[in-house]
């Protein structure tokens, strides 16, 4: 078992007294800059965290769960948080919620803050770019569940929609309608689900012998969806159908179609990974979409975390992928 790093270890490596090391760690008193730099270098080298001793001596729980999402203004993410809340409040836990805004630096800082605040567990929607930090917390026995963004090689619980199958279903659906020229609006490939959906749709198009020439990267943004339509219309061969990899981009696609007087589905079929907000259903035809399960993901993730928190020692890793269904609206029609 790895020996826990103490403040004494930091002081010895830095060549200072424990009192000096304590002042630097707690940011109190006056310490010469040279000594401060030595202590900070030792902290970094030993991967020391100020609350390690407190955690090892901890005999009570904080009754607090931390939830770190990608974007707290995203309806999918907030519905996911609602599912978490429903479960943990039943067990008299509180939760604090924060956002990475798809920034790995923000994710890293939040995870460290949660650790220092000694939360009882963490539910995380990761950027997929701070895996070493996540592994470090897991190795320190911090209960954790990843949601929405699966990172299968990490030894941690996962609850997510099956992104790969969802995109496969959209391609299969359009293929069965007779569409051969299919445009795809991809999300951010720096994210876990962006890469999964990208890989799935290209593989599915190839499996059906369909062209992969119509590709656009919209970065999961509304503006990206609008630009995608402009790009596809500039092509010599214009797609007869568009797959959008998330609902923000789908809304942008629909707005661009309005601007260009494109009738859906008569002139263009549009399908989406993720349903749109209700106001778009009022303005436009209901979009054919992969239906996600954010509330169910949140509830199951919270239940898994509570089980992990209440179980001592080793536990079996659960990786739960919910197969999404396709909801057929009137934004799609057979290729004429």
C-alpha atoms as a PDB file:
ATOM      1  CA  UNK A   1       0.000   0.000   0.000  1.00  0.00           C
ATOM      2  CA  UNK A   2       1.355   3.463  -0.908  1.00  0.00           C
ATOM      3  CA  UNK A   3       2.598   5.420   2.119  1.00  0.00           C
ATOM      4  CA  UNK A   4       0.613   8.581   2.704  1.00  0.00           C
ATOM      5  CA  UNK A   5       2.596  11.767   2.300  1.00  0.00           C
ATOM      6  CA  UNK A   6       2.736  13.948   5.416  1.00  0.00           C
ATOM      7  CA  UNK A   7       3.739  17.509   6.129  1.00  0.00           C
ATOM      8  CA  UNK A   8       6.912  16.099   7.702  1.00  0.00           C
ATOM      9  CA  UNK A   9       7.839  14.549   4.311  1.00  0.00           C
ATOM     10  CA  UNK A  10       7.330  17.916   2.637  1.00  0.00           C
ATOM     11  CA  UNK A  11       9.459  19.697   5.227  1.00  0.00           C
ATOM     12  CA  UNK A  12      12.283  17.165   4.961  1.00  0.00           C
ATOM     13  CA  UNK A  13      12.394  17.303   1.161  1.00  0.00           C
ATOM     14  CA  UNK A  14      12.341  21.102   1.194  1.00  0.00           C
ATOM     15  CA  UNK A  15      14.992  21.265   3.938  1.00  0.00           C
ATOM     16  CA  UNK A  16      12.841  23.433   6.229  1.00  0.00           C
ATOM     17  CA  UNK A  17      11.110  23.048   9.581  1.00  0.00           C
ATOM     18  CA  UNK A  18       7.603  21.621   9.857  1.00  0.00           C
ATOM     19  CA  UNK A  19       6.472  25.039  11.108  1.00  0.00           C
ATOM     20  CA  UNK A  20       7.765  26.741   7.968  1.00  0.00           C
ATOM     21  CA  UNK A  21       6.161  24.119   5.735  1.00  0.00           C
ATOM     22  CA  UNK A  22       2.868  24.609   7.601  1.00  0.00           C
ATOM     23  CA  UNK A  23       2.985  28.376   7.083  1.00  0.00           C
ATOM     24  CA  UNK A  24       3.473  27.957   3.329  1.00  0.00           C
ATOM     25  CA  UNK A  25       0.772  25.291   3.029  1.00  0.00           C
ATOM     26  CA  UNK A  26      -1.742  27.365   4.991  1.00  0.00           C
ATOM     27  CA  UNK A  27      -0.594  30.680   3.475  1.00  0.00           C
ATOM     28  CA  UNK A  28      -0.008  32.316   6.846  1.00  0.00           C
ATOM     29  CA  UNK A  29       2.899  34.259   8.341  1.00  0.00           C
ATOM     30  CA  UNK A  30       5.940  35.645   6.564  1.00  0.00           C
ATOM     31  CA  UNK A  31       8.167  33.137   4.802  1.00  0.00           C
ATOM     32  CA  UNK A  32      11.179  34.098   2.680  1.00  0.00           C
ATOM     33  CA  UNK A  33      10.437  33.616  -1.026  1.00  0.00           C
ATOM     34  CA  UNK A  34      13.333  31.169  -1.450  1.00  0.00           C
ATOM     35  CA  UNK A  35      11.995  28.905   1.310  1.00  0.00           C
ATOM     36  CA  UNK A  36       8.454  29.255  -0.027  1.00  0.00           C
ATOM     37  CA  UNK A  37       9.590  28.108  -3.462  1.00  0.00           C
ATOM     38  CA  UNK A  38      11.359  25.087  -1.929  1.00  0.00           C
ATOM     39  CA  UNK A  39       8.230  24.063  -0.029  1.00  0.00           C
ATOM     40  CA  UNK A  40       5.996  24.474  -3.099  1.00  0.00           C
ATOM     41  CA  UNK A  41       8.438  22.405  -5.172  1.00  0.00           C
ATOM     42  CA  UNK A  42       8.352  19.657  -2.528  1.00  0.00           C
ATOM     43  CA  UNK A  43       4.538  19.739  -2.451  1.00  0.00           C
ATOM     44  CA  UNK A  44       4.457  19.272  -6.210  1.00  0.00           C
ATOM     45  CA  UNK A  45       7.111  16.542  -6.227  1.00  0.00           C
ATOM     46  CA  UNK A  46       5.354  14.542  -3.503  1.00  0.00           C
ATOM     47  CA  UNK A  47       1.830  15.214  -4.811  1.00  0.00           C
ATOM     48  CA  UNK A  48       0.955  16.324  -1.291  1.00  0.00           C
ATOM     49  CA  UNK A  49      -2.564  17.531  -0.491  1.00  0.00           C
ATOM     50  CA  UNK A  50      -3.101  19.645   2.645  1.00  0.00           C
ATOM     51  CA  UNK A  51      -5.992  17.620   3.948  1.00  0.00           C
ATOM     52  CA  UNK A  52      -4.467  14.132   3.696  1.00  0.00           C
ATOM     53  CA  UNK A  53      -3.918  13.815   7.452  1.00  0.00           C
ATOM     54  CA  UNK A  54      -7.354  15.211   8.192  1.00  0.00           C
ATOM     55  CA  UNK A  55      -8.896  12.756   5.779  1.00  0.00           C
ATOM     56  CA  UNK A  56      -7.034   9.781   7.246  1.00  0.00           C
ATOM     57  CA  UNK A  57      -8.262  10.738  10.723  1.00  0.00           C
ATOM     58  CA  UNK A  58     -11.747  11.597   9.576  1.00  0.00           C
ATOM     59  CA  UNK A  59     -14.416   9.738  11.506  1.00  0.00           C
ATOM     60  CA  UNK A  60     -17.538  11.445  10.219  1.00  0.00           C
ATOM     61  CA  UNK A  61     -19.015  12.315   6.819  1.00  0.00           C
ATOM     62  CA  UNK A  62     -19.816  15.740   5.430  1.00  0.00           C
ATOM     63  CA  UNK A  63     -23.177  14.599   4.018  1.00  0.00           C
ATOM     64  CA  UNK A  64     -22.240  16.480   0.848  1.00  0.00           C
ATOM     65  CA  UNK A  65     -21.905  15.233  -2.715  1.00  0.00           C
ATOM     66  CA  UNK A  66     -20.163  17.279  -5.413  1.00  0.00           C
ATOM     67  CA  UNK A  67     -21.563  17.367  -8.944  1.00  0.00           C
ATOM     68  CA  UNK A  68     -19.330  18.683 -11.733  1.00  0.00           C
ATOM     69  CA  UNK A  69     -21.077  19.096 -15.067  1.00  0.00           C
ATOM     70  CA  UNK A  70     -19.912  20.442 -18.407  1.00  0.00           C
ATOM     71  CA  UNK A  71     -22.405  23.308 -18.730  1.00  0.00           C
ATOM     72  CA  UNK A  72     -25.003  24.124 -16.099  1.00  0.00           C
ATOM     73  CA  UNK A  73     -27.066  26.145 -18.599  1.00  0.00           C
ATOM     74  CA  UNK A  74     -27.546  23.073 -20.826  1.00  0.00           C
ATOM     75  CA  UNK A  75     -31.049  21.591 -20.321  1.00  0.00           C
ATOM     76  CA  UNK A  76     -29.708  18.025 -20.615  1.00  0.00           C
ATOM     77  CA  UNK A  77     -27.166  18.655 -17.866  1.00  0.00           C
ATOM     78  CA  UNK A  78     -29.664  20.336 -15.552  1.00  0.00           C
ATOM     79  CA  UNK A  79     -32.170  17.499 -15.992  1.00  0.00           C
ATOM     80  CA  UNK A  80     -29.340  15.111 -15.125  1.00  0.00           C
ATOM     81  CA  UNK A  81     -28.653  17.158 -11.986  1.00  0.00           C
ATOM     82  CA  UNK A  82     -32.349  17.013 -11.097  1.00  0.00           C
ATOM     83  CA  UNK A  83     -32.206  13.214 -11.208  1.00  0.00           C
ATOM     84  CA  UNK A  84     -29.195  13.245  -8.869  1.00  0.00           C
ATOM     85  CA  UNK A  85     -30.962  15.613  -6.499  1.00  0.00           C
ATOM     86  CA  UNK A  86     -34.055  13.441  -6.276  1.00  0.00           C
ATOM     87  CA  UNK A  87     -32.051  10.464  -5.040  1.00  0.00           C
ATOM     88  CA  UNK A  88     -29.562  12.106  -2.682  1.00  0.00           C
ATOM     89  CA  UNK A  89     -32.161  14.302  -0.958  1.00  0.00           C
ATOM     90  CA  UNK A  90     -34.050  11.138  -0.035  1.00  0.00           C
ATOM     91  CA  UNK A  91     -30.919  10.095   1.900  1.00  0.00           C
ATOM     92  CA  UNK A  92     -30.517  13.531   3.536  1.00  0.00           C
ATOM     93  CA  UNK A  93     -27.467  14.529   1.502  1.00  0.00           C
ATOM     94  CA  UNK A  94     -26.807  17.974   0.091  1.00  0.00           C
ATOM     95  CA  UNK A  95     -24.929  18.610  -3.118  1.00  0.00           C
ATOM     96  CA  UNK A  96     -22.781  21.352  -4.526  1.00  0.00           C
ATOM     97  CA  UNK A  97     -22.760  21.861  -8.266  1.00  0.00           C
ATOM     98  CA  UNK A  98     -20.204  23.433 -10.567  1.00  0.00           C
ATOM     99  CA  UNK A  99     -19.257  23.469 -14.242  1.00  0.00           C
ATOM    100  CA  UNK A 100     -16.131  22.827 -16.298  1.00  0.00           C
ATOM    101  CA  UNK A 101     -17.397  24.850 -19.280  1.00  0.00           C
ATOM    102  CA  UNK A 102     -15.512  22.203 -21.283  1.00  0.00           C
ATOM    103  CA  UNK A 103     -12.235  23.540 -19.859  1.00  0.00           C
ATOM    104  CA  UNK A 104      -9.865  20.897 -18.436  1.00  0.00           C
ATOM    105  CA  UNK A 105      -8.175  23.506 -16.211  1.00  0.00           C
ATOM    106  CA  UNK A 106     -11.540  24.281 -14.614  1.00  0.00           C
ATOM    107  CA  UNK A 107     -12.179  20.572 -14.173  1.00  0.00           C
ATOM    108  CA  UNK A 108      -8.817  20.026 -12.497  1.00  0.00           C
ATOM    109  CA  UNK A 109      -9.322  22.967 -10.120  1.00  0.00           C
ATOM    110  CA  UNK A 110     -12.825  21.868  -9.176  1.00  0.00           C
ATOM    111  CA  UNK A 111     -11.742  18.302  -8.457  1.00  0.00           C
ATOM    112  CA  UNK A 112      -8.948  19.519  -6.199  1.00  0.00           C
ATOM    113  CA  UNK A 113     -11.354  21.866  -4.412  1.00  0.00           C
ATOM    114  CA  UNK A 114     -13.866  19.055  -3.854  1.00  0.00           C
ATOM    115  CA  UNK A 115     -11.086  16.914  -2.397  1.00  0.00           C
ATOM    116  CA  UNK A 116      -9.914  19.667  -0.068  1.00  0.00           C
ATOM    117  CA  UNK A 117     -13.492  20.308   1.088  1.00  0.00           C
ATOM    118  CA  UNK A 118     -13.732  16.595   1.930  1.00  0.00           C
ATOM    119  CA  UNK A 119     -16.942  15.896   0.045  1.00  0.00           C
ATOM    120  CA  UNK A 120     -18.227  12.338   0.492  1.00  0.00           C
ATOM    121  CA  UNK A 121     -18.416  11.597  -3.225  1.00  0.00           C
ATOM    122  CA  UNK A 122     -18.205  13.106  -6.712  1.00  0.00           C
ATOM    123  CA  UNK A 123     -20.421  12.775  -9.789  1.00  0.00           C
ATOM    124  CA  UNK A 124     -18.487  14.006 -12.806  1.00  0.00           C
ATOM    125  CA  UNK A 125     -19.181  14.866 -16.429  1.00  0.00           C
ATOM    126  CA  UNK A 126     -15.559  14.982 -17.556  1.00  0.00           C
ATOM    127  CA  UNK A 127     -13.859  16.763 -20.426  1.00  0.00           C
ATOM    128  CA  UNK A 128     -11.887  13.548 -20.902  1.00  0.00           C
ATOM    129  CA  UNK A 129      -8.606  15.459 -20.606  1.00  0.00           C
ATOM    130  CA  UNK A 130      -7.759  15.147 -16.902  1.00  0.00           C
ATOM    131  CA  UNK A 131      -7.694  11.376 -16.556  1.00  0.00           C
ATOM    132  CA  UNK A 132      -4.599  11.361 -14.335  1.00  0.00           C
ATOM    133  CA  UNK A 133      -6.336  13.648 -11.842  1.00  0.00           C
ATOM    134  CA  UNK A 134      -9.413  11.430 -11.792  1.00  0.00           C
ATOM    135  CA  UNK A 135      -7.274   8.340 -11.283  1.00  0.00           C
ATOM    136  CA  UNK A 136      -5.434  10.067  -8.442  1.00  0.00           C
ATOM    137  CA  UNK A 137      -8.716  10.659  -6.609  1.00  0.00           C
ATOM    138  CA  UNK A 138      -9.863   7.090  -7.230  1.00  0.00           C
ATOM    139  CA  UNK A 139      -6.577   5.812  -5.797  1.00  0.00           C
ATOM    140  CA  UNK A 140      -7.244   7.932  -2.708  1.00  0.00           C
ATOM    141  CA  UNK A 141     -10.555   6.071  -2.312  1.00  0.00           C
ATOM    142  CA  UNK A 142     -12.773   9.016  -3.208  1.00  0.00           C
ATOM    143  CA  UNK A 143     -16.142   7.579  -4.339  1.00  0.00           C
ATOM    144  CA  UNK A 144     -16.852   8.726  -7.885  1.00  0.00           C
ATOM    145  CA  UNK A 145     -19.229   8.131 -10.796  1.00  0.00           C
ATOM    146  CA  UNK A 146     -18.733   9.423 -14.342  1.00  0.00           C
ATOM    147  CA  UNK A 147     -21.897  10.496 -16.157  1.00  0.00           C
ATOM    148  CA  UNK A 148     -22.690  11.146 -19.827  1.00  0.00           C
ATOM    149  CA  UNK A 149     -19.001  11.105 -20.874  1.00  0.00           C
ATOM    150  CA  UNK A 150     -17.687   7.527 -20.511  1.00  0.00           C
ATOM    151  CA  UNK A 151     -13.953   6.874 -20.023  1.00  0.00           C
ATOM    152  CA  UNK A 152     -14.035   3.048 -19.982  1.00  0.00           C
ATOM    153  CA  UNK A 153     -10.365   2.422 -19.128  1.00  0.00           C
ATOM    154  CA  UNK A 154     -10.627   4.224 -15.779  1.00  0.00           C
ATOM    155  CA  UNK A 155     -11.548   2.050 -12.748  1.00  0.00           C
ATOM    156  CA  UNK A 156     -14.664   4.070 -11.920  1.00  0.00           C
ATOM    157  CA  UNK A 157     -18.440   3.678 -12.213  1.00  0.00           C
ATOM    158  CA  UNK A 158     -19.999   5.000 -15.444  1.00  0.00           C
ATOM    159  CA  UNK A 159     -23.619   5.805 -16.317  1.00  0.00           C
ATOM    160  CA  UNK A 160     -24.291   7.174 -19.811  1.00  0.00           C
ATOM    161  CA  UNK A 161     -26.382   6.923 -22.936  1.00  0.00           C
ATOM    162  CA  UNK A 162     -24.864   4.590 -25.508  1.00  0.00           C
ATOM    163  CA  UNK A 163     -23.588   7.255 -27.901  1.00  0.00           C
ATOM    164  CA  UNK A 164     -22.271   4.725 -30.398  1.00  0.00           C
ATOM    165  CA  UNK A 165     -25.575   2.864 -30.803  1.00  0.00           C
ATOM    166  CA  UNK A 166     -27.517   6.134 -30.922  1.00  0.00           C
ATOM    167  CA  UNK A 167     -25.618   7.392 -33.949  1.00  0.00           C
ATOM    168  CA  UNK A 168     -25.827   3.981 -35.589  1.00  0.00           C
ATOM    169  CA  UNK A 169     -29.620   4.143 -35.303  1.00  0.00           C
ATOM    170  CA  UNK A 170     -29.766   7.530 -37.018  1.00  0.00           C
ATOM    171  CA  UNK A 171     -27.648   6.344 -39.952  1.00  0.00           C
ATOM    172  CA  UNK A 172     -29.662   3.128 -40.267  1.00  0.00           C
ATOM    173  CA  UNK A 173     -32.919   5.089 -40.232  1.00  0.00           C
ATOM    174  CA  UNK A 174     -31.780   7.425 -43.026  1.00  0.00           C
ATOM    175  CA  UNK A 175     -30.377   4.529 -45.043  1.00  0.00           C
ATOM    176  CA  UNK A 176     -33.729   2.740 -44.843  1.00  0.00           C
ATOM    177  CA  UNK A 177     -35.433   5.928 -46.077  1.00  0.00           C
ATOM    178  CA  UNK A 178     -33.202   5.778 -49.159  1.00  0.00           C
ATOM    179  CA  UNK A 179     -30.873   8.698 -48.429  1.00  0.00           C
ATOM    180  CA  UNK A 180     -27.394   8.305 -49.916  1.00  0.00           C
ATOM    181  CA  UNK A 181     -25.992  11.826 -49.607  1.00  0.00           C
ATOM    182  CA  UNK A 182     -25.993  12.409 -45.847  1.00  0.00           C
ATOM    183  CA  UNK A 183     -24.396  15.446 -44.231  1.00  0.00           C
ATOM    184  CA  UNK A 184     -23.111  15.140 -40.673  1.00  0.00           C
ATOM    185  CA  UNK A 185     -22.644  18.015 -38.235  1.00  0.00           C
ATOM    186  CA  UNK A 186     -20.090  16.823 -35.684  1.00  0.00           C
ATOM    187  CA  UNK A 187     -19.504  18.140 -32.192  1.00  0.00           C
ATOM    188  CA  UNK A 188     -16.279  18.913 -30.375  1.00  0.00           C
ATOM    189  CA  UNK A 189     -13.807  16.041 -30.894  1.00  0.00           C
ATOM    190  CA  UNK A 190     -11.933  17.102 -27.762  1.00  0.00           C
ATOM    191  CA  UNK A 191     -14.854  15.755 -25.733  1.00  0.00           C
ATOM    192  CA  UNK A 192     -15.515  12.082 -25.026  1.00  0.00           C
ATOM    193  CA  UNK A 193     -19.030  11.978 -26.483  1.00  0.00           C
ATOM    194  CA  UNK A 194     -17.966  14.121 -29.442  1.00  0.00           C
ATOM    195  CA  UNK A 195     -15.351  11.520 -30.426  1.00  0.00           C
ATOM    196  CA  UNK A 196     -17.707   8.592 -29.834  1.00  0.00           C
ATOM    197  CA  UNK A 197     -20.454  10.028 -32.022  1.00  0.00           C
ATOM    198  CA  UNK A 198     -17.928  10.970 -34.714  1.00  0.00           C
ATOM    199  CA  UNK A 199     -16.437   7.481 -34.823  1.00  0.00           C
ATOM    200  CA  UNK A 200     -19.849   5.822 -34.804  1.00  0.00           C
ATOM    201  CA  UNK A 201     -21.393   7.809 -37.628  1.00  0.00           C
ATOM    202  CA  UNK A 202     -18.370   7.410 -39.927  1.00  0.00           C
ATOM    203  CA  UNK A 203     -18.237   3.669 -39.279  1.00  0.00           C
ATOM    204  CA  UNK A 204     -21.968   3.314 -39.891  1.00  0.00           C
ATOM    205  CA  UNK A 205     -21.859   5.280 -43.148  1.00  0.00           C
ATOM    206  CA  UNK A 206     -18.955   3.120 -44.324  1.00  0.00           C
ATOM    207  CA  UNK A 207     -20.758  -0.099 -43.347  1.00  0.00           C
ATOM    208  CA  UNK A 208     -23.709   0.871 -45.543  1.00  0.00           C
ATOM    209  CA  UNK A 209     -21.462   1.915 -48.431  1.00  0.00           C
ATOM    210  CA  UNK A 210     -22.543   5.554 -48.098  1.00  0.00           C
ATOM    211  CA  UNK A 211     -20.346   8.565 -48.811  1.00  0.00           C
ATOM    212  CA  UNK A 212     -18.421  10.207 -45.970  1.00  0.00           C
ATOM    213  CA  UNK A 213     -17.676  13.364 -47.947  1.00  0.00           C
ATOM    214  CA  UNK A 214     -20.293  15.580 -46.277  1.00  0.00           C
ATOM    215  CA  UNK A 215     -18.721  16.397 -42.900  1.00  0.00           C
ATOM    216  CA  UNK A 216     -18.770  19.604 -40.871  1.00  0.00           C
ATOM    217  CA  UNK A 217     -17.494  20.356 -37.345  1.00  0.00           C
ATOM    218  CA  UNK A 218     -19.948  22.524 -35.436  1.00  0.00           C
ATOM    219  CA  UNK A 219     -18.412  22.179 -31.937  1.00  0.00           C
ATOM    220  CA  UNK A 220     -21.814  21.473 -30.335  1.00  0.00           C
ATOM    221  CA  UNK A 221     -22.876  25.115 -30.795  1.00  0.00           C
ATOM    222  CA  UNK A 222     -25.982  26.745 -32.257  1.00  0.00           C
ATOM    223  CA  UNK A 223     -23.789  28.849 -34.548  1.00  0.00           C
ATOM    224  CA  UNK A 224     -21.998  25.692 -35.676  1.00  0.00           C
ATOM    225  CA  UNK A 225     -25.302  24.237 -36.858  1.00  0.00           C
ATOM    226  CA  UNK A 226     -26.035  27.364 -38.879  1.00  0.00           C
ATOM    227  CA  UNK A 227     -22.600  27.336 -40.500  1.00  0.00           C
ATOM    228  CA  UNK A 228     -23.017  23.664 -41.370  1.00  0.00           C
ATOM    229  CA  UNK A 229     -26.063  24.375 -43.539  1.00  0.00           C
ATOM    230  CA  UNK A 230     -24.210  27.174 -45.333  1.00  0.00           C
ATOM    231  CA  UNK A 231     -21.322  24.790 -45.972  1.00  0.00           C
ATOM    232  CA  UNK A 232     -23.506  21.960 -47.292  1.00  0.00           C
ATOM    233  CA  UNK A 233     -25.397  24.325 -49.599  1.00  0.00           C
ATOM    234  CA  UNK A 234     -22.067  25.443 -51.112  1.00  0.00           C
ATOM    235  CA  UNK A 235     -21.224  21.881 -52.168  1.00  0.00           C
ATOM    236  CA  UNK A 236     -21.598  20.678 -55.765  1.00  0.00           C
ATOM    237  CA  UNK A 237     -23.662  17.758 -54.460  1.00  0.00           C
ATOM    238  CA  UNK A 238     -25.967  18.940 -51.666  1.00  0.00           C
ATOM    239  CA  UNK A 239     -26.952  16.366 -49.000  1.00  0.00           C
ATOM    240  CA  UNK A 240     -30.586  15.266 -48.925  1.00  0.00           C
ATOM    241  CA  UNK A 241     -30.395  14.629 -45.182  1.00  0.00           C
ATOM    242  CA  UNK A 242     -28.460  16.034 -42.225  1.00  0.00           C
ATOM    243  CA  UNK A 243     -27.513  14.302 -38.993  1.00  0.00           C
ATOM    244  CA  UNK A 244     -26.776  16.725 -36.162  1.00  0.00           C
ATOM    245  CA  UNK A 245     -24.745  15.379 -33.233  1.00  0.00           C
ATOM    246  CA  UNK A 246     -26.535  17.404 -30.551  1.00  0.00           C
ATOM    247  CA  UNK A 247     -29.632  19.533 -30.026  1.00  0.00           C
ATOM    248  CA  UNK A 248     -27.832  22.907 -29.902  1.00  0.00           C
ATOM    249  CA  UNK A 249     -26.481  22.376 -33.411  1.00  0.00           C
ATOM    250  CA  UNK A 250     -29.846  21.004 -34.572  1.00  0.00           C
ATOM    251  CA  UNK A 251     -31.538  24.253 -33.551  1.00  0.00           C
ATOM    252  CA  UNK A 252     -28.923  26.119 -35.589  1.00  0.00           C
ATOM    253  CA  UNK A 253     -29.553  23.855 -38.576  1.00  0.00           C
ATOM    254  CA  UNK A 254     -33.292  24.562 -38.391  1.00  0.00           C
ATOM    255  CA  UNK A 255     -32.724  28.312 -38.124  1.00  0.00           C
ATOM    256  CA  UNK A 256     -30.461  28.308 -41.179  1.00  0.00           C
ATOM    257  CA  UNK A 257     -33.080  26.327 -43.096  1.00  0.00           C
ATOM    258  CA  UNK A 258     -35.637  29.005 -42.204  1.00  0.00           C
ATOM    259  CA  UNK A 259     -33.281  31.710 -43.435  1.00  0.00           C
ATOM    260  CA  UNK A 260     -32.682  29.913 -46.737  1.00  0.00           C
ATOM    261  CA  UNK A 261     -36.398  29.067 -47.189  1.00  0.00           C
ATOM    262  CA  UNK A 262     -35.632  25.336 -47.142  1.00  0.00           C
ATOM    263  CA  UNK A 263     -38.738  23.278 -46.457  1.00  0.00           C
ATOM    264  CA  UNK A 264     -38.329  20.427 -43.994  1.00  0.00           C
ATOM    265  CA  UNK A 265     -38.723  17.539 -44.770  1.00  0.00           C
ATOM    266  CA  UNK A 266     -39.745  18.127 -48.410  1.00  0.00           C
ATOM    267  CA  UNK A 267     -36.395  19.592 -49.443  1.00  0.00           C
ATOM    268  CA  UNK A 268     -34.213  18.382 -46.589  1.00  0.00           C
ATOM    269  CA  UNK A 269     -34.481  15.720 -43.897  1.00  0.00           C
ATOM    270  CA  UNK A 270     -33.034  16.641 -40.491  1.00  0.00           C
ATOM    271  CA  UNK A 271     -32.400  14.211 -37.625  1.00  0.00           C
ATOM    272  CA  UNK A 272     -30.765  14.855 -34.276  1.00  0.00           C
ATOM    273  CA  UNK A 273     -28.904  13.154 -31.454  1.00  0.00           C
ATOM    274  CA  UNK A 274     -30.954  14.596 -28.594  1.00  0.00           C
ATOM    275  CA  UNK A 275     -34.357  16.202 -28.569  1.00  0.00           C
ATOM    276  CA  UNK A 276     -34.889  19.924 -29.023  1.00  0.00           C
ATOM    277  CA  UNK A 277     -36.364  22.382 -26.566  1.00  0.00           C
ATOM    278  CA  UNK A 278     -40.134  22.722 -26.647  1.00  0.00           C
ATOM    279  CA  UNK A 279     -40.138  26.134 -28.362  1.00  0.00           C
ATOM    280  CA  UNK A 280     -38.541  24.629 -31.469  1.00  0.00           C
ATOM    281  CA  UNK A 281     -41.261  21.997 -31.572  1.00  0.00           C
ATOM    282  CA  UNK A 282     -43.802  24.829 -31.640  1.00  0.00           C
ATOM    283  CA  UNK A 283     -42.068  26.736 -34.438  1.00  0.00           C
ATOM    284  CA  UNK A 284     -40.859  23.847 -36.571  1.00  0.00           C
ATOM    285  CA  UNK A 285     -41.933  20.311 -37.371  1.00  0.00           C
ATOM    286  CA  UNK A 286     -41.105  17.939 -34.522  1.00  0.00           C
ATOM    287  CA  UNK A 287     -37.584  16.684 -35.165  1.00  0.00           C
ATOM    288  CA  UNK A 288     -36.769  12.989 -35.522  1.00  0.00           C
ATOM    289  CA  UNK A 289     -34.275  12.442 -32.720  1.00  0.00           C
ATOM    290  CA  UNK A 290     -32.419  10.045 -30.495  1.00  0.00           C
ATOM    291  CA  UNK A 291     -34.116  10.350 -27.111  1.00  0.00           C
ATOM    292  CA  UNK A 292     -31.629  10.621 -24.259  1.00  0.00           C
ATOM    293  CA  UNK A 293     -32.227   9.793 -20.596  1.00  0.00           C
ATOM    294  CA  UNK A 294     -30.610  12.530 -18.477  1.00  0.00           C
ATOM    295  CA  UNK A 295     -32.924  12.146 -15.489  1.00  0.00           C
ATOM    296  CA  UNK A 296     -32.477   8.373 -15.420  1.00  0.00           C
ATOM    297  CA  UNK A 297     -28.712   8.776 -15.778  1.00  0.00           C
ATOM    298  CA  UNK A 298     -28.694  11.159 -12.817  1.00  0.00           C
ATOM    299  CA  UNK A 299     -30.803   8.888 -10.612  1.00  0.00           C
ATOM    300  CA  UNK A 300     -28.770   5.773 -11.369  1.00  0.00           C
ATOM    301  CA  UNK A 301     -25.483   7.606 -10.900  1.00  0.00           C
ATOM    302  CA  UNK A 302     -26.581   8.907  -7.512  1.00  0.00           C
ATOM    303  CA  UNK A 303     -27.685   5.435  -6.420  1.00  0.00           C
ATOM    304  CA  UNK A 304     -24.354   3.929  -7.487  1.00  0.00           C
ATOM    305  CA  UNK A 305     -22.421   6.626  -5.652  1.00  0.00           C
ATOM    306  CA  UNK A 306     -24.379   6.108  -2.437  1.00  0.00           C
ATOM    307  CA  UNK A 307     -23.792   2.350  -2.636  1.00  0.00           C
ATOM    308  CA  UNK A 308     -20.068   2.945  -3.122  1.00  0.00           C
ATOM    309  CA  UNK A 309     -19.915   5.393  -0.215  1.00  0.00           C
ATOM    310  CA  UNK A 310     -21.604   2.923   2.108  1.00  0.00           C
ATOM    311  CA  UNK A 311     -19.398  -0.016   1.148  1.00  0.00           C
ATOM    312  CA  UNK A 312     -15.961  -0.511   2.646  1.00  0.00           C
ATOM    313  CA  UNK A 313     -12.975  -1.743   0.616  1.00  0.00           C
ATOM    314  CA  UNK A 314     -13.166  -3.155  -2.886  1.00  0.00           C
ATOM    315  CA  UNK A 315     -16.282  -2.896  -5.029  1.00  0.00           C
ATOM    316  CA  UNK A 316     -17.204  -4.091  -8.486  1.00  0.00           C
ATOM    317  CA  UNK A 317     -16.976  -1.427 -11.177  1.00  0.00           C
ATOM    318  CA  UNK A 318     -20.317  -0.824 -12.896  1.00  0.00           C
ATOM    319  CA  UNK A 319     -20.349   0.605 -16.426  1.00  0.00           C
ATOM    320  CA  UNK A 320     -23.981   1.150 -17.389  1.00  0.00           C
ATOM    321  CA  UNK A 321     -24.792   2.244 -20.936  1.00  0.00           C
ATOM    322  CA  UNK A 322     -28.462   2.978 -21.607  1.00  0.00           C
ATOM    323  CA  UNK A 323     -29.549   2.139 -25.159  1.00  0.00           C
ATOM    324  CA  UNK A 324     -31.368   5.195 -26.526  1.00  0.00           C
ATOM    325  CA  UNK A 325     -34.465   5.010 -28.700  1.00  0.00           C
ATOM    326  CA  UNK A 326     -35.246   6.957 -31.849  1.00  0.00           C
ATOM    327  CA  UNK A 327     -38.371   9.114 -31.800  1.00  0.00           C
ATOM    328  CA  UNK A 328     -39.664   9.671 -35.318  1.00  0.00           C
ATOM    329  CA  UNK A 329     -41.061  13.135 -35.922  1.00  0.00           C
ATOM    330  CA  UNK A 330     -42.078  14.925 -39.112  1.00  0.00           C
ATOM    331  CA  UNK A 331     -38.659  16.388 -39.966  1.00  0.00           C
ATOM    332  CA  UNK A 332     -37.759  13.289 -41.961  1.00  0.00           C
ATOM    333  CA  UNK A 333     -39.125  11.647 -45.083  1.00  0.00           C
ATOM    334  CA  UNK A 334     -38.032   9.108 -47.734  1.00  0.00           C
ATOM    335  CA  UNK A 335     -35.641  10.247 -50.436  1.00  0.00           C
ATOM    336  CA  UNK A 336     -37.654  10.897 -53.559  1.00  0.00           C
END
